[in-house]
């Protein structure tokens, strides 16, 4: 069975920040998502520029690659396995009809090539909203 996908690299940098659960709703930004909880702290993904303007700290810059597909969860775990086999740490964010893959900023083009090869896709262009 052939699974098709549209794969796009978001030009914005993202940050994964730890935020106290009690202050989450007071954040002056809208995060991309919350990855999980470690005790009273939430792992929040937000645009780096907004996170820094809000006083949040982070350890690394992350790139976001959007994968639009009708594949099920097992296919997405295969994507994670491919990136991990290439020694690229990643975080998958599940969505309806699409997934987002967070990879370290300096490895974004390598991860993009791996994901495109996984689906047998040639590079495509689709502009995201301006990162201005």
N, C-alpha and C. Protein backbone atom coordinates (compact mmCIF):
# COMPACT_ATOMS: atom_id res chain seq x y z
N UNK A 1 0.84 -1.17 0.00
CA UNK A 1 0.00 0.00 0.00
C UNK A 1 0.88 1.24 0.00
N UNK A 2 0.62 2.17 -0.91
CA UNK A 2 1.38 3.40 -0.99
C UNK A 2 0.68 4.49 -0.18
N UNK A 3 1.45 5.15 0.65
CA UNK A 3 0.92 6.25 1.43
C UNK A 3 1.55 7.53 0.91
N UNK A 4 0.72 8.50 0.56
CA UNK A 4 1.24 9.77 0.07
C UNK A 4 1.26 10.78 1.22
N UNK A 5 2.13 11.76 1.08
CA UNK A 5 2.25 12.77 2.12
C UNK A 5 2.72 14.08 1.52
N UNK A 6 2.28 15.16 2.10
CA UNK A 6 2.81 16.48 1.81
C UNK A 6 3.65 16.87 3.02
N UNK A 7 4.86 17.31 2.77
CA UNK A 7 5.81 17.58 3.84
C UNK A 7 6.31 19.01 3.71
N UNK A 8 6.17 19.78 4.79
CA UNK A 8 6.53 21.20 4.76
C UNK A 8 7.40 21.56 5.96
N UNK A 9 8.41 22.37 5.72
CA UNK A 9 9.27 22.88 6.79
C UNK A 9 8.80 24.28 7.16
N UNK A 10 8.44 24.46 8.39
CA UNK A 10 8.05 25.77 8.91
C UNK A 10 9.33 26.58 9.11
N UNK A 11 9.41 27.81 8.58
CA UNK A 11 10.64 28.60 8.70
C UNK A 11 10.89 29.18 10.09
N UNK A 12 9.90 29.11 10.97
CA UNK A 12 10.05 29.69 12.31
C UNK A 12 10.81 28.74 13.24
N UNK A 13 11.53 29.32 14.19
CA UNK A 13 12.20 28.54 15.23
C UNK A 13 11.25 28.36 16.41
N UNK A 14 11.32 27.19 17.01
CA UNK A 14 10.47 26.88 18.15
C UNK A 14 11.33 26.57 19.37
N UNK A 15 10.72 26.69 20.54
CA UNK A 15 11.40 26.39 21.80
C UNK A 15 10.51 25.47 22.62
N UNK A 16 11.13 24.58 23.36
CA UNK A 16 10.40 23.74 24.31
C UNK A 16 10.77 24.27 25.69
N UNK A 17 9.77 24.79 26.39
CA UNK A 17 9.99 25.47 27.66
C UNK A 17 9.22 24.77 28.77
N UNK A 18 9.77 24.78 29.96
CA UNK A 18 9.07 24.26 31.12
C UNK A 18 8.32 25.41 31.78
N UNK A 19 7.03 25.22 31.99
CA UNK A 19 6.17 26.26 32.56
C UNK A 19 5.42 25.66 33.74
N UNK A 20 5.35 26.40 34.83
CA UNK A 20 4.59 25.95 35.99
C UNK A 20 3.11 25.85 35.62
N UNK A 21 2.51 24.75 35.98
CA UNK A 21 1.11 24.50 35.63
C UNK A 21 0.19 25.62 36.11
N UNK A 22 0.47 26.17 37.28
CA UNK A 22 -0.40 27.21 37.84
C UNK A 22 -0.34 28.52 37.05
N UNK A 23 0.75 28.75 36.30
CA UNK A 23 0.86 29.99 35.54
C UNK A 23 0.63 29.80 34.04
N UNK A 24 0.29 28.59 33.63
CA UNK A 24 0.12 28.30 32.20
C UNK A 24 -0.92 29.21 31.55
N UNK A 25 -2.07 29.39 32.18
CA UNK A 25 -3.15 30.17 31.57
C UNK A 25 -2.87 31.67 31.60
N UNK A 26 -1.83 32.07 32.29
CA UNK A 26 -1.44 33.48 32.32
C UNK A 26 -0.36 33.80 31.29
N UNK A 27 0.06 32.83 30.51
CA UNK A 27 1.10 33.07 29.51
C UNK A 27 0.61 34.10 28.49
N UNK A 28 1.49 35.03 28.09
CA UNK A 28 1.10 36.02 27.09
C UNK A 28 1.30 35.54 25.67
N UNK A 29 1.22 34.24 25.45
CA UNK A 29 1.39 33.66 24.13
C UNK A 29 0.49 32.45 23.98
N UNK A 30 0.30 32.05 22.74
CA UNK A 30 -0.48 30.83 22.46
C UNK A 30 0.51 29.78 21.99
N UNK A 31 0.74 28.74 22.80
CA UNK A 31 1.71 27.72 22.41
C UNK A 31 1.20 26.85 21.26
N UNK A 32 2.16 26.25 20.56
CA UNK A 32 1.81 25.28 19.52
C UNK A 32 1.12 24.08 20.16
N UNK A 33 1.68 23.62 21.30
CA UNK A 33 1.11 22.49 22.01
C UNK A 33 1.78 22.34 23.36
N UNK A 34 1.27 21.42 24.16
CA UNK A 34 1.89 21.00 25.41
C UNK A 34 2.29 19.55 25.20
N UNK A 35 3.59 19.27 25.34
CA UNK A 35 4.08 17.91 25.09
C UNK A 35 3.81 16.96 26.25
N UNK A 36 3.82 17.46 27.44
CA UNK A 36 3.60 16.58 28.59
C UNK A 36 3.82 17.32 29.88
N UNK A 37 3.77 16.57 30.97
CA UNK A 37 3.89 17.17 32.28
C UNK A 37 4.94 16.42 33.08
N UNK A 38 5.79 17.18 33.77
CA UNK A 38 6.80 16.63 34.67
C UNK A 38 6.55 17.23 36.04
N UNK A 39 5.79 16.50 36.86
CA UNK A 39 5.41 17.06 38.16
C UNK A 39 4.51 18.26 37.94
N UNK A 40 4.84 19.40 38.57
CA UNK A 40 4.01 20.59 38.39
C UNK A 40 4.38 21.39 37.14
N UNK A 41 5.34 20.89 36.34
CA UNK A 41 5.80 21.62 35.17
C UNK A 41 5.25 21.02 33.88
N UNK A 42 4.87 21.91 32.96
CA UNK A 42 4.39 21.50 31.63
C UNK A 42 5.48 21.78 30.62
N UNK A 43 5.67 20.88 29.67
CA UNK A 43 6.60 21.10 28.55
C UNK A 43 5.80 21.75 27.43
N UNK A 44 6.02 23.04 27.22
CA UNK A 44 5.26 23.84 26.28
C UNK A 44 6.10 24.13 25.04
N UNK A 45 5.52 23.95 23.86
CA UNK A 45 6.19 24.28 22.60
C UNK A 45 5.61 25.60 22.11
N UNK A 46 6.50 26.57 21.89
CA UNK A 46 6.07 27.88 21.42
C UNK A 46 7.11 28.42 20.45
N UNK A 47 6.70 29.42 19.66
CA UNK A 47 7.67 30.07 18.80
C UNK A 47 8.76 30.67 19.68
N UNK A 48 10.00 30.50 19.27
CA UNK A 48 11.13 30.95 20.07
C UNK A 48 11.03 32.44 20.39
N UNK A 49 10.71 33.25 19.39
CA UNK A 49 10.64 34.70 19.56
C UNK A 49 9.61 35.05 20.65
N UNK A 50 8.44 34.42 20.60
CA UNK A 50 7.40 34.69 21.58
C UNK A 50 7.79 34.17 22.97
N UNK A 51 8.42 33.01 23.01
CA UNK A 51 8.83 32.44 24.30
C UNK A 51 9.85 33.35 24.99
N UNK A 52 10.83 33.81 24.24
CA UNK A 52 11.84 34.68 24.83
C UNK A 52 11.24 36.02 25.24
N UNK A 53 10.32 36.56 24.45
CA UNK A 53 9.66 37.82 24.80
C UNK A 53 8.82 37.66 26.06
N UNK A 54 8.37 36.44 26.34
CA UNK A 54 7.56 36.16 27.53
C UNK A 54 8.42 35.80 28.74
N UNK A 55 9.74 35.79 28.56
CA UNK A 55 10.63 35.47 29.67
C UNK A 55 10.83 33.99 29.92
N UNK A 56 10.42 33.14 28.98
CA UNK A 56 10.59 31.69 29.15
C UNK A 56 11.99 31.29 28.67
N UNK A 57 12.57 30.33 29.35
CA UNK A 57 13.89 29.85 28.96
C UNK A 57 13.77 28.49 28.26
N UNK A 58 14.78 28.19 27.47
CA UNK A 58 14.81 26.91 26.75
C UNK A 58 16.26 26.55 26.50
N UNK A 59 16.49 25.30 26.15
CA UNK A 59 17.86 24.81 25.94
C UNK A 59 18.28 24.77 24.49
N UNK A 60 17.35 24.59 23.58
CA UNK A 60 17.71 24.41 22.17
C UNK A 60 16.63 25.01 21.27
N UNK A 61 17.03 25.28 20.03
CA UNK A 61 16.08 25.73 19.02
C UNK A 61 15.59 24.51 18.25
N UNK A 62 14.30 24.48 17.96
CA UNK A 62 13.69 23.36 17.27
C UNK A 62 13.03 23.84 15.98
N UNK A 63 13.04 22.98 14.97
CA UNK A 63 12.34 23.23 13.72
C UNK A 63 11.09 22.36 13.73
N UNK A 64 10.06 22.82 13.03
CA UNK A 64 8.81 22.08 12.95
C UNK A 64 8.56 21.67 11.50
N UNK A 65 8.42 20.38 11.29
CA UNK A 65 8.13 19.84 9.96
C UNK A 65 6.72 19.26 10.01
N UNK A 66 5.86 19.76 9.13
CA UNK A 66 4.47 19.29 9.08
C UNK A 66 4.35 18.20 8.03
N UNK A 67 3.75 17.08 8.43
CA UNK A 67 3.55 15.94 7.53
C UNK A 67 2.04 15.72 7.42
N UNK A 68 1.49 16.04 6.25
CA UNK A 68 0.06 15.82 6.00
C UNK A 68 -0.10 14.47 5.32
N UNK A 69 -0.83 13.56 5.98
CA UNK A 69 -1.01 12.22 5.44
C UNK A 69 -2.26 11.60 6.04
N UNK A 70 -2.71 10.55 5.42
CA UNK A 70 -3.84 9.79 5.97
C UNK A 70 -3.34 8.52 6.67
N UNK A 71 -2.03 8.47 6.88
CA UNK A 71 -1.45 7.28 7.52
C UNK A 71 -1.86 7.22 8.99
N UNK A 72 -1.90 6.02 9.50
CA UNK A 72 -2.25 5.83 10.90
C UNK A 72 -1.07 6.02 11.83
N UNK A 73 -1.30 5.82 13.10
CA UNK A 73 -0.28 6.02 14.12
C UNK A 73 0.94 5.13 13.95
N UNK A 74 0.75 3.92 13.42
CA UNK A 74 1.90 3.03 13.25
C UNK A 74 2.88 3.61 12.23
N UNK A 75 2.35 4.29 11.22
CA UNK A 75 3.22 4.92 10.22
C UNK A 75 4.01 6.06 10.87
N UNK A 76 3.37 6.81 11.75
CA UNK A 76 4.04 7.92 12.41
C UNK A 76 5.14 7.41 13.35
N UNK A 77 4.91 6.30 14.02
CA UNK A 77 5.96 5.75 14.87
C UNK A 77 7.12 5.26 14.00
N UNK A 78 6.84 4.86 12.76
CA UNK A 78 7.91 4.49 11.84
C UNK A 78 8.75 5.71 11.47
N UNK A 79 8.10 6.88 11.34
CA UNK A 79 8.83 8.11 11.07
C UNK A 79 9.80 8.42 12.20
N UNK A 80 9.32 8.29 13.41
CA UNK A 80 10.17 8.51 14.58
C UNK A 80 11.34 7.55 14.58
N UNK A 81 11.08 6.30 14.26
CA UNK A 81 12.15 5.30 14.22
C UNK A 81 13.19 5.64 13.15
N UNK A 82 12.74 6.13 11.98
CA UNK A 82 13.68 6.52 10.92
C UNK A 82 14.59 7.65 11.37
N UNK A 83 14.01 8.65 12.00
CA UNK A 83 14.81 9.79 12.45
C UNK A 83 15.75 9.38 13.59
N UNK A 84 15.26 8.54 14.49
CA UNK A 84 16.12 8.07 15.58
C UNK A 84 17.26 7.20 15.06
N UNK A 85 17.01 6.40 14.01
CA UNK A 85 18.07 5.57 13.42
C UNK A 85 19.16 6.45 12.82
N UNK A 86 18.79 7.64 12.36
CA UNK A 86 19.76 8.58 11.81
C UNK A 86 20.38 9.43 12.91
N UNK A 87 20.10 9.09 14.16
CA UNK A 87 20.61 9.80 15.34
C UNK A 87 20.10 11.24 15.41
N UNK A 88 18.87 11.44 14.95
CA UNK A 88 18.23 12.76 15.02
C UNK A 88 17.12 12.71 16.07
N UNK A 89 17.32 13.37 17.20
CA UNK A 89 16.24 13.40 18.19
C UNK A 89 15.03 14.13 17.64
N UNK A 90 13.86 13.63 17.94
CA UNK A 90 12.64 14.27 17.44
C UNK A 90 11.52 14.08 18.45
N UNK A 91 10.54 14.95 18.32
CA UNK A 91 9.31 14.87 19.11
C UNK A 91 8.16 14.94 18.12
N UNK A 92 7.27 13.98 18.18
CA UNK A 92 6.12 13.96 17.27
C UNK A 92 4.90 14.55 17.98
N UNK A 93 4.17 15.36 17.24
CA UNK A 93 2.92 15.95 17.73
C UNK A 93 1.81 15.45 16.81
N UNK A 94 0.91 14.67 17.36
CA UNK A 94 -0.16 14.08 16.56
C UNK A 94 -1.27 15.08 16.31
N UNK A 95 -1.81 15.04 15.13
CA UNK A 95 -2.94 15.89 14.76
C UNK A 95 -3.89 15.10 13.89
N UNK A 96 -5.02 15.68 13.56
CA UNK A 96 -5.99 15.01 12.69
C UNK A 96 -5.62 15.30 11.24
N UNK A 97 -5.19 14.29 10.52
CA UNK A 97 -4.82 14.44 9.11
C UNK A 97 -3.42 14.97 8.90
N UNK A 98 -2.72 15.27 9.97
CA UNK A 98 -1.34 15.73 9.85
C UNK A 98 -0.61 15.48 11.16
N UNK A 99 0.67 15.44 11.06
CA UNK A 99 1.53 15.30 12.24
C UNK A 99 2.55 16.43 12.15
N UNK A 100 3.09 16.79 13.27
CA UNK A 100 4.20 17.74 13.29
C UNK A 100 5.38 17.05 13.94
N UNK A 101 6.51 17.23 13.34
CA UNK A 101 7.73 16.61 13.83
C UNK A 101 8.69 17.73 14.25
N UNK A 102 9.07 17.76 15.50
CA UNK A 102 10.04 18.74 15.98
C UNK A 102 11.42 18.09 15.96
N UNK A 103 12.36 18.75 15.29
CA UNK A 103 13.75 18.28 15.25
C UNK A 103 14.65 19.46 15.60
N UNK A 104 15.84 19.17 16.06
CA UNK A 104 16.77 20.24 16.39
C UNK A 104 17.01 21.10 15.15
N UNK A 105 17.07 22.41 15.36
CA UNK A 105 17.17 23.37 14.26
C UNK A 105 18.31 23.04 13.31
N UNK A 106 19.47 22.69 13.83
CA UNK A 106 20.63 22.45 12.98
C UNK A 106 20.50 21.18 12.15
N UNK A 107 19.52 20.33 12.44
CA UNK A 107 19.32 19.09 11.69
C UNK A 107 18.06 19.12 10.83
N UNK A 108 17.45 20.29 10.65
CA UNK A 108 16.15 20.37 9.98
C UNK A 108 16.19 19.89 8.53
N UNK A 109 17.23 20.24 7.78
CA UNK A 109 17.27 19.83 6.37
C UNK A 109 17.56 18.33 6.23
N UNK A 110 18.37 17.81 7.10
CA UNK A 110 18.63 16.36 7.10
C UNK A 110 17.35 15.60 7.43
N UNK A 111 16.61 16.06 8.44
CA UNK A 111 15.35 15.41 8.81
C UNK A 111 14.33 15.51 7.69
N UNK A 112 14.28 16.66 7.05
CA UNK A 112 13.35 16.86 5.93
C UNK A 112 13.65 15.87 4.80
N UNK A 113 14.93 15.70 4.49
CA UNK A 113 15.31 14.75 3.43
C UNK A 113 14.94 13.32 3.81
N UNK A 114 15.14 12.96 5.07
CA UNK A 114 14.80 11.60 5.53
C UNK A 114 13.29 11.38 5.43
N UNK A 115 12.50 12.36 5.86
CA UNK A 115 11.04 12.20 5.80
C UNK A 115 10.54 12.13 4.36
N UNK A 116 11.12 12.94 3.49
CA UNK A 116 10.71 12.89 2.08
C UNK A 116 11.10 11.55 1.45
N UNK A 117 12.27 11.04 1.77
CA UNK A 117 12.69 9.74 1.25
C UNK A 117 11.78 8.64 1.78
N UNK A 118 11.35 8.76 3.02
CA UNK A 118 10.47 7.77 3.64
C UNK A 118 9.17 7.63 2.84
N UNK A 119 8.65 8.76 2.35
CA UNK A 119 7.42 8.74 1.58
C UNK A 119 7.67 8.75 0.07
N UNK A 120 8.94 8.74 -0.35
CA UNK A 120 9.26 8.75 -1.77
C UNK A 120 8.85 10.04 -2.44
N UNK A 121 9.03 11.16 -1.75
CA UNK A 121 8.61 12.46 -2.26
C UNK A 121 9.79 13.29 -2.72
N UNK A 122 9.55 14.10 -3.75
CA UNK A 122 10.52 15.09 -4.17
C UNK A 122 10.24 16.37 -3.39
N UNK A 123 11.21 17.25 -3.28
CA UNK A 123 10.97 18.51 -2.55
C UNK A 123 9.79 19.28 -3.13
N UNK A 124 8.99 19.84 -2.22
CA UNK A 124 7.85 20.68 -2.61
C UNK A 124 7.98 22.02 -1.92
N UNK A 125 7.33 23.01 -2.48
CA UNK A 125 7.37 24.34 -1.86
C UNK A 125 5.94 24.75 -1.50
N UNK A 126 5.78 25.18 -0.29
CA UNK A 126 4.52 25.74 0.16
C UNK A 126 4.85 26.73 1.26
N UNK A 127 4.60 27.98 1.02
CA UNK A 127 4.97 28.98 2.03
C UNK A 127 4.10 28.89 3.26
N UNK A 128 4.73 29.02 4.41
CA UNK A 128 4.00 29.15 5.67
C UNK A 128 3.71 30.63 5.85
N UNK A 129 2.98 30.96 6.88
CA UNK A 129 2.74 32.36 7.21
C UNK A 129 4.08 33.03 7.45
N UNK A 130 4.16 34.27 7.13
CA UNK A 130 5.41 35.01 7.27
C UNK A 130 5.93 34.92 8.69
N UNK A 131 7.23 34.71 8.82
CA UNK A 131 7.86 34.61 10.13
C UNK A 131 8.38 35.95 10.59
N UNK A 132 7.92 37.02 9.99
CA UNK A 132 8.39 38.38 10.32
C UNK A 132 8.15 38.73 11.71
